[in-house]
Protein backbone atom coordinates (compact mmCIF):
# COMPACT_ATOMS: atom_id res chain seq x y z
CA UNK A 1 24.28 -3.92 -12.09
CA UNK A 2 25.10 -2.59 -8.67
CA UNK A 3 23.74 -4.10 -5.20
CA UNK A 4 21.45 -1.27 -4.38
CA UNK A 5 19.99 -1.26 -7.78
CA UNK A 6 19.67 -4.99 -7.75
CA UNK A 7 17.93 -5.08 -4.25
CA UNK A 8 15.51 -2.47 -5.58
CA UNK A 9 14.93 -4.52 -8.84
CA UNK A 10 14.06 -7.53 -6.62
CA UNK A 11 11.80 -5.41 -4.30
CA UNK A 12 10.07 -3.84 -7.50
CA UNK A 13 9.50 -7.69 -8.67
CA UNK A 14 7.65 -8.60 -5.37
CA UNK A 15 5.06 -6.28 -6.55
CA UNK A 16 4.87 -7.36 -9.96
CA UNK A 17 4.57 -10.92 -8.99
CA UNK A 18 1.56 -9.89 -6.92
CA UNK A 19 -0.03 -7.92 -10.38
CA UNK A 20 2.07 -7.26 -13.28
CA UNK A 21 0.05 -4.40 -14.05
CA UNK A 22 0.22 -2.66 -10.69
CA UNK A 23 0.76 1.06 -11.18
CA UNK A 24 3.52 2.90 -9.45
CA UNK A 25 1.37 5.25 -7.49
CA UNK A 26 -0.31 2.22 -5.93
CA UNK A 27 3.35 0.77 -5.14
CA UNK A 28 4.14 4.41 -3.54
CA UNK A 29 0.68 3.88 -1.53
CA UNK A 30 1.89 0.69 -0.03
CA UNK A 31 5.08 1.75 0.93
CA UNK A 32 3.69 4.83 2.61
CA UNK A 33 1.41 2.68 4.68
CA UNK A 34 4.03 0.23 5.29
CA UNK A 35 6.25 3.13 6.81
CA UNK A 36 3.63 4.65 9.11
CA UNK A 37 4.08 3.79 12.62
CA UNK A 38 0.58 3.51 13.51
CA UNK A 39 -2.82 3.17 11.66
CA UNK A 40 -2.32 6.25 8.95
CA UNK A 41 -5.52 8.54 8.27
CA UNK A 42 -6.35 8.38 4.73
CA UNK A 43 -6.16 12.19 4.65
CA UNK A 44 -2.65 12.04 5.69
CA UNK A 45 -1.93 9.50 2.92
CA UNK A 46 -3.59 11.81 0.44
CA UNK A 47 -1.55 14.66 1.31
CA UNK A 48 1.59 12.22 1.19
CA UNK A 49 0.64 11.14 -2.24
CA UNK A 50 -0.33 14.39 -3.33
CA UNK A 51 -3.37 13.15 -4.89
CA UNK A 52 -7.32 13.74 -4.81
CA UNK A 53 -9.38 11.61 -2.46
CA UNK A 54 -10.75 9.77 -5.16
CA UNK A 55 -7.24 8.54 -6.42
CA UNK A 56 -6.09 7.87 -3.00
CA UNK A 57 -9.10 5.65 -2.36
CA UNK A 58 -8.82 3.90 -5.52
CA UNK A 59 -5.29 2.81 -4.84
CA UNK A 60 -6.05 1.88 -1.28
CA UNK A 61 -9.01 -0.35 -2.78
CA UNK A 62 -6.65 -2.08 -5.04
CA UNK A 63 -4.19 -2.97 -2.01
CA UNK A 64 -7.15 -4.18 -0.25
CA UNK A 65 -9.12 -7.27 -0.08
CA UNK A 66 -11.91 -6.14 -2.49
CA UNK A 67 -10.77 -3.72 -5.36
CA UNK A 68 -13.48 -1.24 -7.01
CA UNK A 69 -15.98 -3.22 -9.15
CA UNK A 70 -16.33 -6.09 -7.01
CA UNK A 71 -12.70 -7.81 -8.25
CA UNK A 72 -10.50 -9.23 -5.62
CA UNK A 73 -7.77 -6.85 -4.46
CA UNK A 74 -4.38 -7.96 -3.11
CA UNK A 75 -5.03 -8.12 0.54
CA UNK A 76 -2.22 -5.92 1.67
CA UNK A 77 -3.99 -3.33 3.52
CA UNK A 78 -7.08 -2.81 5.34
CA UNK A 79 -9.24 0.56 5.38
CA UNK A 80 -11.74 1.21 8.13
CA UNK A 81 -13.58 3.99 9.64
CA UNK A 82 -11.96 5.83 12.34
CA UNK A 83 -13.81 5.27 15.71
CA UNK A 84 -13.20 8.68 16.93
CA UNK A 85 -14.82 10.42 14.09
CA UNK A 86 -16.57 8.23 11.73
CA UNK A 87 -16.71 10.59 9.01
CA UNK A 88 -12.72 9.58 8.25
CA UNK A 89 -11.19 6.36 7.42
CA UNK A 90 -7.70 4.82 8.68
CA UNK A 91 -5.50 2.32 6.81
CA UNK A 92 -3.11 -0.43 7.89
CA UNK A 93 -1.61 -3.52 6.81
CA UNK A 94 -3.19 -6.94 6.83
CA UNK A 95 -1.13 -9.88 7.90
CA UNK A 96 0.00 -10.41 4.10
CA UNK A 97 0.96 -6.80 4.09
CA UNK A 98 3.24 -6.90 7.10
CA UNK A 99 4.95 -10.04 5.33
CA UNK A 100 5.50 -8.20 2.06
CA UNK A 101 7.02 -5.25 4.31
CA UNK A 102 9.44 -7.59 6.02
CA UNK A 103 10.44 -9.28 2.45
CA UNK A 104 10.99 -5.66 1.16
CA UNK A 105 12.86 -4.47 4.04
CA UNK A 106 15.02 -7.69 4.19
CA UNK A 107 15.97 -7.05 0.54
CA UNK A 108 16.95 -3.37 1.26
CA UNK A 109 18.89 -4.05 4.36
């Protein structure tokens, strides 16, 4: 296996270690949030994912402290009401999410 593919495999394994059944779209959701320079508006995330708002919210919930239906989530991101306009939400990485981003970045060089 080439070095690049080996690094990608190891990065995917980090997510599988957190949840072996984690969906690819949830991983992509995390990566988009992790790559944002600042807290990301949910509607920008929805646009980038090209998903309905319900799917975006479901993926963010899986990455948050509390998953839908009251189950424990992965605690990698946090969503909160935008203080400038409470109709909207923003999302950012938690300390655990920042640690995962750092591990992925070190693998990918």
